[in-house]
Amino acid sequence: MVTHSATHQIDTPSTVTPNLIIVALHGNGGGAFRFALVQPFVPEHVGFHALTLPGFANKPRDRSLHTLRDYATYLRSEIAALPRPTVLLGHGIGGSIALEFIQHYAADIDGLILHAPVGTRLDSRFFPKLMAFPGMRTFGQHMFSSPLTRPMWKRVLFSQQVPADFTNRFFAEYRHCAVFSQMFDLITPEWFQSLHPVSLPSALLWGERERVLKVDHVRDYQALLPNHTVRIVPDWDHFPMIEQPNAYAQEIAQLALELVKQ
């Protein structure tokens, strides 16, 4: 079922457990800071736990993590002590790691929200093909993080005004990301084609104005998640957790509650 969702507040029944946890995984380059503006707006009855995976942003790289399954196993250790029900939220490459996670550890969580994940159409998208050329990953990483090019990237990545102190850190984190290049080696068309369907309560979340990973990509994930719903939000681009943090908090909390009630 596809629903076009407007911004809304959550109507929380009295039977909802206060221990629902959303674990949020960031995209390439950055870390948990990408969700920092969301935290103050998350409803009190929903826990929100944003992680920074090893090698991203300023977190040191773990040289034992060679495959996406290694990252999934690391994630499993990070969330093992969290109370249930737990819903995993993955954005961009965080969605790729979440997809790998449920291939092996679906029983460890109670729901999945994929927000514009990376995986499908890697052999036809311009950016992954560009990053395949020698030297382009290092060059691209420095281009993303350079103060000189930030005004251009702000126009490319953001549809609305974002505070300068936030965007400065957002772009600076790319410079320190030790696994930026590794992700292009691990997230490949062959990896995506190897995934098998998992019947976990899931939601595919997209912005209708998404410019980085087009909304029609959603179709490619539906067969992998037979127990899914699709939520498309009309006024969202790629980073609503930064541009519209209040609406984002309400949306993911509502989705998580719907998933754990199934």
C-alpha atoms as a PDB file:
ATOM      1  CA  MET A   1       0.000   0.000   0.000  1.00  0.00           C
ATOM      2  CA  VAL A   2       1.304   3.441  -0.928  1.00  0.00           C
ATOM      3  CA  THR A   3       0.302   6.461   1.102  1.00  0.00           C
ATOM      4  CA  HIS A   4       1.186  10.053   0.381  1.00  0.00           C
ATOM      5  CA  SER A   5       1.732  11.443   3.824  1.00  0.00           C
ATOM      6  CA  ALA A   6       1.377  14.990   5.029  1.00  0.00           C
ATOM      7  CA  THR A   7       2.980  16.231   8.237  1.00  0.00           C
ATOM      8  CA  HIS A   8       0.953  15.002  11.183  1.00  0.00           C
ATOM      9  CA  GLN A   9       1.067  14.544  14.915  1.00  0.00           C
ATOM     10  CA  ILE A  10       0.918  11.102  16.448  1.00  0.00           C
ATOM     11  CA  ASP A  11      -2.285   9.862  17.973  1.00  0.00           C
ATOM     12  CA  THR A  12      -0.807   7.500  20.534  1.00  0.00           C
ATOM     13  CA  PRO A  13      -3.076   4.883  22.121  1.00  0.00           C
ATOM     14  CA  SER A  14      -2.614   4.238  25.819  1.00  0.00           C
ATOM     15  CA  THR A  15      -1.480   0.677  25.164  1.00  0.00           C
ATOM     16  CA  VAL A  16       1.683   1.711  23.276  1.00  0.00           C
ATOM     17  CA  THR A  17       4.801   0.642  25.148  1.00  0.00           C
ATOM     18  CA  PRO A  18       7.092   3.481  26.227  1.00  0.00           C
ATOM     19  CA  ASN A  19      10.109   1.293  25.404  1.00  0.00           C
ATOM     20  CA  LEU A  20       9.904   1.452  21.623  1.00  0.00           C
ATOM     21  CA  ILE A  21      13.381   2.247  20.309  1.00  0.00           C
ATOM     22  CA  ILE A  22      14.298   3.604  16.878  1.00  0.00           C
ATOM     23  CA  VAL A  23      17.933   2.929  15.937  1.00  0.00           C
ATOM     24  CA  ALA A  24      19.003   5.365  13.197  1.00  0.00           C
ATOM     25  CA  LEU A  25      21.810   4.663  10.715  1.00  0.00           C
ATOM     26  CA  HIS A  26      23.363   7.505   8.715  1.00  0.00           C
ATOM     27  CA  GLY A  27      24.468   7.640   5.095  1.00  0.00           C
ATOM     28  CA  ASN A  28      28.008   7.779   3.691  1.00  0.00           C
ATOM     29  CA  GLY A  29      30.445  10.373   4.958  1.00  0.00           C
ATOM     30  CA  GLY A  30      28.547  11.417   8.074  1.00  0.00           C
ATOM     31  CA  GLY A  31      27.487   9.947  11.381  1.00  0.00           C
ATOM     32  CA  ALA A  32      24.880  10.252  14.104  1.00  0.00           C
ATOM     33  CA  PHE A  33      25.158  14.048  13.910  1.00  0.00           C
ATOM     34  CA  ARG A  34      22.933  13.963  10.823  1.00  0.00           C
ATOM     35  CA  PHE A  35      20.016  13.171  13.130  1.00  0.00           C
ATOM     36  CA  ALA A  36      20.946  15.708  15.814  1.00  0.00           C
ATOM     37  CA  LEU A  37      18.167  18.136  14.886  1.00  0.00           C
ATOM     38  CA  VAL A  38      15.577  15.333  15.100  1.00  0.00           C
ATOM     39  CA  GLN A  39      16.237  14.271  18.690  1.00  0.00           C
ATOM     40  CA  PRO A  40      14.429  17.173  20.451  1.00  0.00           C
ATOM     41  CA  PHE A  41      11.212  16.462  18.525  1.00  0.00           C
ATOM     42  CA  VAL A  42      10.972  12.690  19.067  1.00  0.00           C
ATOM     43  CA  PRO A  43       7.878  11.922  21.199  1.00  0.00           C
ATOM     44  CA  GLU A  44       8.629  10.959  24.791  1.00  0.00           C
ATOM     45  CA  HIS A  45       7.218   7.456  24.442  1.00  0.00           C
ATOM     46  CA  VAL A  46       9.666   6.653  21.619  1.00  0.00           C
ATOM     47  CA  GLY A  47      13.371   6.181  22.294  1.00  0.00           C
ATOM     48  CA  PHE A  48      15.731   7.437  19.595  1.00  0.00           C
ATOM     49  CA  HIS A  49      19.243   6.013  19.306  1.00  0.00           C
ATOM     50  CA  ALA A  50      21.398   7.379  16.461  1.00  0.00           C
ATOM     51  CA  LEU A  51      24.645   5.490  15.863  1.00  0.00           C
ATOM     52  CA  THR A  52      27.939   6.407  14.227  1.00  0.00           C
ATOM     53  CA  LEU A  53      29.403   3.324  12.587  1.00  0.00           C
ATOM     54  CA  PRO A  54      33.185   2.746  12.691  1.00  0.00           C
ATOM     55  CA  GLY A  55      35.118   4.760  10.141  1.00  0.00           C
ATOM     56  CA  PHE A  56      32.381   7.316   9.527  1.00  0.00           C
ATOM     57  CA  ALA A  57      32.634  10.991  10.476  1.00  0.00           C
ATOM     58  CA  ASN A  58      35.295  11.228  13.212  1.00  0.00           C
ATOM     59  CA  LYS A  59      34.929   7.678  14.526  1.00  0.00           C
ATOM     60  CA  PRO A  60      38.074   5.562  14.049  1.00  0.00           C
ATOM     61  CA  ARG A  61      37.969   2.809  11.474  1.00  0.00           C
ATOM     62  CA  ASP A  62      37.699  -0.809  12.608  1.00  0.00           C
ATOM     63  CA  ARG A  63      40.066  -2.740  10.344  1.00  0.00           C
ATOM     64  CA  SER A  64      38.261  -6.006  11.097  1.00  0.00           C
ATOM     65  CA  LEU A  65      35.188  -4.818   9.158  1.00  0.00           C
ATOM     66  CA  HIS A  66      35.789  -6.052   5.612  1.00  0.00           C
ATOM     67  CA  THR A  67      32.281  -6.879   4.360  1.00  0.00           C
ATOM     68  CA  LEU A  68      28.756  -5.561   4.751  1.00  0.00           C
ATOM     69  CA  ARG A  69      28.031  -8.585   6.908  1.00  0.00           C
ATOM     70  CA  ASP A  70      30.866  -7.475   9.214  1.00  0.00           C
ATOM     71  CA  TYR A  71      29.149  -4.103   9.573  1.00  0.00           C
ATOM     72  CA  ALA A  72      25.828  -5.843  10.179  1.00  0.00           C
ATOM     73  CA  THR A  73      27.406  -7.999  12.883  1.00  0.00           C
ATOM     74  CA  TYR A  74      28.941  -4.921  14.496  1.00  0.00           C
ATOM     75  CA  LEU A  75      25.521  -3.273  14.449  1.00  0.00           C
ATOM     76  CA  ARG A  76      24.020  -6.334  16.077  1.00  0.00           C
ATOM     77  CA  SER A  77      26.470  -6.017  18.976  1.00  0.00           C
ATOM     78  CA  GLU A  78      25.629  -2.333  19.358  1.00  0.00           C
ATOM     79  CA  ILE A  79      21.884  -2.840  19.671  1.00  0.00           C
ATOM     80  CA  ALA A  80      21.861  -6.167  21.533  1.00  0.00           C
ATOM     81  CA  ALA A  81      21.246  -4.574  24.931  1.00  0.00           C
ATOM     82  CA  LEU A  82      18.472  -2.239  23.779  1.00  0.00           C
ATOM     83  CA  PRO A  83      14.933  -3.015  24.949  1.00  0.00           C
ATOM     84  CA  ARG A  84      12.372  -4.420  22.544  1.00  0.00           C
ATOM     85  CA  PRO A  85      10.517  -3.555  20.441  1.00  0.00           C
ATOM     86  CA  THR A  86      13.309  -2.073  18.322  1.00  0.00           C
ATOM     87  CA  VAL A  87      12.906  -0.589  14.844  1.00  0.00           C
ATOM     88  CA  LEU A  88      15.916  -0.055  12.594  1.00  0.00           C
ATOM     89  CA  LEU A  89      15.946   3.100  10.446  1.00  0.00           C
ATOM     90  CA  GLY A  90      18.491   3.328   7.636  1.00  0.00           C
ATOM     91  CA  HIS A  91      19.037   6.351   5.399  1.00  0.00           C
ATOM     92  CA  GLY A  92      21.134   6.128   2.225  1.00  0.00           C
ATOM     93  CA  ILE A  93      24.023   3.750   2.860  1.00  0.00           C
ATOM     94  CA  GLY A  94      22.606   3.237   6.338  1.00  0.00           C
ATOM     95  CA  GLY A  95      19.723   1.600   4.491  1.00  0.00           C
ATOM     96  CA  SER A  96      22.161  -0.681   2.671  1.00  0.00           C
ATOM     97  CA  ILE A  97      23.650  -1.859   5.976  1.00  0.00           C
ATOM     98  CA  ALA A  98      20.144  -2.299   7.374  1.00  0.00           C
ATOM     99  CA  LEU A  99      19.235  -4.483   4.374  1.00  0.00           C
ATOM    100  CA  GLU A 100      22.317  -6.623   5.010  1.00  0.00           C
ATOM    101  CA  PHE A 101      21.442  -6.775   8.719  1.00  0.00           C
ATOM    102  CA  ILE A 102      18.025  -8.322   8.107  1.00  0.00           C
ATOM    103  CA  GLN A 103      19.555 -10.938   5.818  1.00  0.00           C
ATOM    104  CA  HIS A 104      21.163 -12.465   8.917  1.00  0.00           C
ATOM    105  CA  TYR A 105      19.630 -10.964  12.060  1.00  0.00           C
ATOM    106  CA  ALA A 106      16.014 -10.074  11.269  1.00  0.00           C
ATOM    107  CA  ALA A 107      14.863 -11.763  14.478  1.00  0.00           C
ATOM    108  CA  ASP A 108      16.837  -9.203  16.495  1.00  0.00           C
ATOM    109  CA  ILE A 109      14.542  -6.322  15.539  1.00  0.00           C
ATOM    110  CA  ASP A 110      10.803  -5.778  15.246  1.00  0.00           C
ATOM    111  CA  GLY A 111      10.594  -3.494  12.233  1.00  0.00           C
ATOM    112  CA  LEU A 112      12.579  -1.764   9.511  1.00  0.00           C
ATOM    113  CA  ILE A 113      12.310   1.701   7.979  1.00  0.00           C
ATOM    114  CA  LEU A 114      14.330   2.215   4.812  1.00  0.00           C
ATOM    115  CA  HIS A 115      14.575   5.898   3.961  1.00  0.00           C
ATOM    116  CA  ALA A 116      15.838   6.349   0.379  1.00  0.00           C
ATOM    117  CA  PRO A 117      18.374   3.510   0.681  1.00  0.00           C
ATOM    118  CA  VAL A 118      21.342   2.893  -1.605  1.00  0.00           C
ATOM    119  CA  GLY A 119      21.387  -0.395  -3.498  1.00  0.00           C
ATOM    120  CA  THR A 120      19.304  -0.505  -6.617  1.00  0.00           C
ATOM    121  CA  ARG A 121      20.407   0.745 -10.070  1.00  0.00           C
ATOM    122  CA  LEU A 122      24.045   1.107  -9.087  1.00  0.00           C
ATOM    123  CA  ASP A 123      25.070   0.085 -12.588  1.00  0.00           C
ATOM    124  CA  SER A 124      23.084   2.924 -14.172  1.00  0.00           C
ATOM    125  CA  ARG A 125      23.331   5.812 -11.683  1.00  0.00           C
ATOM    126  CA  PHE A 126      25.877   8.480 -12.597  1.00  0.00           C
ATOM    127  CA  PHE A 127      27.491   8.964  -9.182  1.00  0.00           C
ATOM    128  CA  PRO A 128      28.483   5.311  -8.497  1.00  0.00           C
ATOM    129  CA  LYS A 129      29.855   5.031 -12.036  1.00  0.00           C
ATOM    130  CA  LEU A 130      31.873   8.234 -11.548  1.00  0.00           C
ATOM    131  CA  MET A 131      33.311   6.912  -8.273  1.00  0.00           C
ATOM    132  CA  ALA A 132      34.586   3.819 -10.104  1.00  0.00           C
ATOM    133  CA  PHE A 133      37.256   5.849 -11.927  1.00  0.00           C
ATOM    134  CA  PRO A 134      40.759   5.817 -10.345  1.00  0.00           C
ATOM    135  CA  GLY A 135      41.267   8.627  -7.859  1.00  0.00           C
ATOM    136  CA  MET A 136      37.688   9.882  -8.022  1.00  0.00           C
ATOM    137  CA  ARG A 137      36.725   8.753  -4.526  1.00  0.00           C
ATOM    138  CA  THR A 138      39.520  10.694  -2.854  1.00  0.00           C
ATOM    139  CA  PHE A 139      38.889  13.670  -5.104  1.00  0.00           C
ATOM    140  CA  GLY A 140      35.128  13.500  -4.506  1.00  0.00           C
ATOM    141  CA  GLN A 141      35.566  13.226  -0.755  1.00  0.00           C
ATOM    142  CA  HIS A 142      37.721  16.359  -0.701  1.00  0.00           C
ATOM    143  CA  MET A 143      35.328  18.172  -3.031  1.00  0.00           C
ATOM    144  CA  PHE A 144      32.415  17.430  -0.682  1.00  0.00           C
ATOM    145  CA  SER A 145      34.316  18.683   2.330  1.00  0.00           C
ATOM    146  CA  SER A 146      36.096  21.727   0.893  1.00  0.00           C
ATOM    147  CA  PRO A 147      34.902  25.103   2.248  1.00  0.00           C
ATOM    148  CA  LEU A 148      35.298  26.495  -1.267  1.00  0.00           C
ATOM    149  CA  THR A 149      32.730  24.154  -2.800  1.00  0.00           C
ATOM    150  CA  ARG A 150      30.219  24.056   0.063  1.00  0.00           C
ATOM    151  CA  PRO A 151      27.960  26.786  -1.395  1.00  0.00           C
ATOM    152  CA  MET A 152      27.544  24.674  -4.537  1.00  0.00           C
ATOM    153  CA  TRP A 153      26.887  21.444  -2.614  1.00  0.00           C
ATOM    154  CA  LYS A 154      24.373  23.215  -0.379  1.00  0.00           C
ATOM    155  CA  ARG A 155      22.322  24.036  -3.475  1.00  0.00           C
ATOM    156  CA  VAL A 156      22.651  20.470  -4.753  1.00  0.00           C
ATOM    157  CA  LEU A 157      21.791  18.667  -1.504  1.00  0.00           C
ATOM    158  CA  PHE A 158      19.432  21.005   0.340  1.00  0.00           C
ATOM    159  CA  SER A 159      16.158  22.530  -0.795  1.00  0.00           C
ATOM    160  CA  GLN A 160      15.757  24.771   2.246  1.00  0.00           C
ATOM    161  CA  GLN A 161      17.928  26.971   4.439  1.00  0.00           C
ATOM    162  CA  VAL A 162      20.010  25.017   6.964  1.00  0.00           C
ATOM    163  CA  PRO A 163      21.983  26.717   9.767  1.00  0.00           C
ATOM    164  CA  ALA A 164      25.577  27.399   8.717  1.00  0.00           C
ATOM    165  CA  ASP A 165      27.100  25.780  11.804  1.00  0.00           C
ATOM    166  CA  PHE A 166      25.239  22.572  11.000  1.00  0.00           C
ATOM    167  CA  THR A 167      26.221  22.476   7.337  1.00  0.00           C
ATOM    168  CA  ASN A 168      29.838  23.266   8.180  1.00  0.00           C
ATOM    169  CA  ARG A 169      30.056  20.171  10.341  1.00  0.00           C
ATOM    170  CA  PHE A 170      27.973  18.162   7.854  1.00  0.00           C
ATOM    171  CA  PHE A 171      30.516  18.759   5.094  1.00  0.00           C
ATOM    172  CA  ALA A 172      33.580  18.583   7.357  1.00  0.00           C
ATOM    173  CA  GLU A 173      32.639  15.044   8.405  1.00  0.00           C
ATOM    174  CA  TYR A 174      33.188  13.863   4.837  1.00  0.00           C
ATOM    175  CA  ARG A 175      36.859  14.834   5.122  1.00  0.00           C
ATOM    176  CA  HIS A 176      37.366  12.553   8.144  1.00  0.00           C
ATOM    177  CA  CYS A 177      35.329   9.574   6.927  1.00  0.00           C
ATOM    178  CA  ALA A 178      37.844   6.715   6.663  1.00  0.00           C
ATOM    179  CA  VAL A 179      35.503   4.292   4.891  1.00  0.00           C
ATOM    180  CA  PHE A 180      33.968   6.573   2.277  1.00  0.00           C
ATOM    181  CA  SER A 181      35.743   4.680  -0.502  1.00  0.00           C
ATOM    182  CA  GLN A 182      35.198   1.239   1.024  1.00  0.00           C
ATOM    183  CA  MET A 183      31.434   1.616   0.800  1.00  0.00           C
ATOM    184  CA  PHE A 184      31.628   1.780  -3.005  1.00  0.00           C
ATOM    185  CA  ASP A 185      33.511  -1.523  -2.994  1.00  0.00           C
ATOM    186  CA  LEU A 186      30.959  -3.233  -0.750  1.00  0.00           C
ATOM    187  CA  ILE A 187      27.670  -1.862  -2.043  1.00  0.00           C
ATOM    188  CA  THR A 188      27.595  -3.170  -5.600  1.00  0.00           C
ATOM    189  CA  PRO A 189      25.009  -4.420  -8.113  1.00  0.00           C
ATOM    190  CA  GLU A 190      26.140  -7.972  -7.337  1.00  0.00           C
ATOM    191  CA  TRP A 191      25.521  -7.428  -3.628  1.00  0.00           C
ATOM    192  CA  PHE A 192      22.046  -6.050  -4.263  1.00  0.00           C
ATOM    193  CA  GLN A 193      21.158  -8.922  -6.586  1.00  0.00           C
ATOM    194  CA  SER A 194      22.218 -11.429  -3.907  1.00  0.00           C
ATOM    195  CA  LEU A 195      19.653 -10.200  -1.371  1.00  0.00           C
ATOM    196  CA  HIS A 196      16.714 -12.453  -0.620  1.00  0.00           C
ATOM    197  CA  PRO A 197      13.226 -11.376   0.541  1.00  0.00           C
ATOM    198  CA  VAL A 198      12.665 -10.997   4.281  1.00  0.00           C
ATOM    199  CA  SER A 199       9.146 -10.879   5.692  1.00  0.00           C
ATOM    200  CA  LEU A 200       9.784  -8.327   8.431  1.00  0.00           C
ATOM    201  CA  PRO A 201       7.313  -5.498   9.067  1.00  0.00           C
ATOM    202  CA  SER A 202       8.888  -2.755   6.982  1.00  0.00           C
ATOM    203  CA  ALA A 203       8.309   0.724   5.624  1.00  0.00           C
ATOM    204  CA  LEU A 204       9.803   2.341   2.533  1.00  0.00           C
ATOM    205  CA  LEU A 205      10.038   6.061   3.219  1.00  0.00           C
ATOM    206  CA  TRP A 206      10.745   8.575   0.467  1.00  0.00           C
ATOM    207  CA  GLY A 207      10.484  12.261  -0.226  1.00  0.00           C
ATOM    208  CA  GLU A 208       8.486  13.129  -3.320  1.00  0.00           C
ATOM    209  CA  ARG A 209      11.042  15.881  -4.119  1.00  0.00           C
ATOM    210  CA  GLU A 210      14.021  13.533  -3.638  1.00  0.00           C
ATOM    211  CA  ARG A 211      16.832  14.467  -6.040  1.00  0.00           C
ATOM    212  CA  VAL A 212      19.635  12.098  -4.951  1.00  0.00           C
ATOM    213  CA  LEU A 213      17.768   8.765  -5.076  1.00  0.00           C
ATOM    214  CA  LYS A 214      14.639   9.199  -7.166  1.00  0.00           C
ATOM    215  CA  VAL A 215      11.296   8.157  -5.755  1.00  0.00           C
ATOM    216  CA  ASP A 216      10.714   5.561  -8.462  1.00  0.00           C
ATOM    217  CA  HIS A 217      13.548   3.507  -6.894  1.00  0.00           C
ATOM    218  CA  VAL A 218      11.034   2.447  -4.267  1.00  0.00           C
ATOM    219  CA  ARG A 219       9.621  -0.189  -6.614  1.00  0.00           C
ATOM    220  CA  ASP A 220      12.893  -2.095  -6.630  1.00  0.00           C
ATOM    221  CA  TYR A 221      12.769  -2.710  -2.869  1.00  0.00           C
ATOM    222  CA  GLN A 222       9.191  -3.906  -2.608  1.00  0.00           C
ATOM    223  CA  ALA A 223       9.914  -7.503  -3.624  1.00  0.00           C
ATOM    224  CA  LEU A 224      12.670  -7.719  -0.981  1.00  0.00           C
ATOM    225  CA  LEU A 225      10.229  -6.674   1.751  1.00  0.00           C
ATOM    226  CA  PRO A 226       6.936  -8.497   1.127  1.00  0.00           C
ATOM    227  CA  ASN A 227       5.467  -7.213   4.408  1.00  0.00           C
ATOM    228  CA  HIS A 228       5.877  -3.545   3.595  1.00  0.00           C
ATOM    229  CA  THR A 229       4.150  -0.226   3.355  1.00  0.00           C
ATOM    230  CA  VAL A 230       5.277   2.753   1.275  1.00  0.00           C
ATOM    231  CA  ARG A 231       5.171   6.299   2.630  1.00  0.00           C
ATOM    232  CA  ILE A 232       5.919   9.178   0.257  1.00  0.00           C
ATOM    233  CA  VAL A 233       6.043  12.659   1.773  1.00  0.00           C
ATOM    234  CA  PRO A 234       5.269  15.446  -0.723  1.00  0.00           C
ATOM    235  CA  ASP A 235       7.569  18.250   0.483  1.00  0.00           C
ATOM    236  CA  TRP A 236      10.658  16.229   1.389  1.00  0.00           C
ATOM    237  CA  ASP A 237      13.977  16.111  -0.446  1.00  0.00           C
ATOM    238  CA  HIS A 238      16.939  13.859   0.511  1.00  0.00           C
ATOM    239  CA  PHE A 239      17.654  15.268   3.981  1.00  0.00           C
ATOM    240  CA  PRO A 240      14.346  15.968   5.762  1.00  0.00           C
ATOM    241  CA  MET A 241      15.976  15.010   9.079  1.00  0.00           C
ATOM    242  CA  ILE A 242      18.008  18.204   8.601  1.00  0.00           C
ATOM    243  CA  GLU A 243      15.563  20.451   6.756  1.00  0.00           C
ATOM    244  CA  GLN A 244      12.314  19.433   8.506  1.00  0.00           C
ATOM    245  CA  PRO A 245      13.382  17.705  11.740  1.00  0.00           C
ATOM    246  CA  ASN A 246      10.059  18.104  13.564  1.00  0.00           C
ATOM    247  CA  ALA A 247       8.060  16.580  10.721  1.00  0.00           C
ATOM    248  CA  TYR A 248      10.700  13.861  10.324  1.00  0.00           C
ATOM    249  CA  ALA A 249      10.534  12.918  14.002  1.00  0.00           C
ATOM    250  CA  GLN A 250       6.755  12.636  13.867  1.00  0.00           C
ATOM    251  CA  GLU A 251       6.837  10.606  10.653  1.00  0.00           C
ATOM    252  CA  ILE A 252       9.384   8.003  11.736  1.00  0.00           C
ATOM    253  CA  ALA A 253       7.759   7.649  15.153  1.00  0.00           C
ATOM    254  CA  GLN A 254       4.361   7.040  13.546  1.00  0.00           C
ATOM    255  CA  LEU A 255       5.821   4.510  11.121  1.00  0.00           C
ATOM    256  CA  ALA A 256       7.680   2.681  13.896  1.00  0.00           C
ATOM    257  CA  LEU A 257       4.512   2.429  15.986  1.00  0.00           C
ATOM    258  CA  GLU A 258       2.585   1.049  13.037  1.00  0.00           C
ATOM    259  CA  LEU A 259       5.277  -1.565  12.394  1.00  0.00           C
ATOM    260  CA  VAL A 260       5.482  -2.908  15.934  1.00  0.00           C
ATOM    261  CA  LYS A 261       1.680  -3.185  16.167  1.00  0.00           C
ATOM    262  CA  GLN A 262       1.609  -5.687  13.287  1.00  0.00           C
END
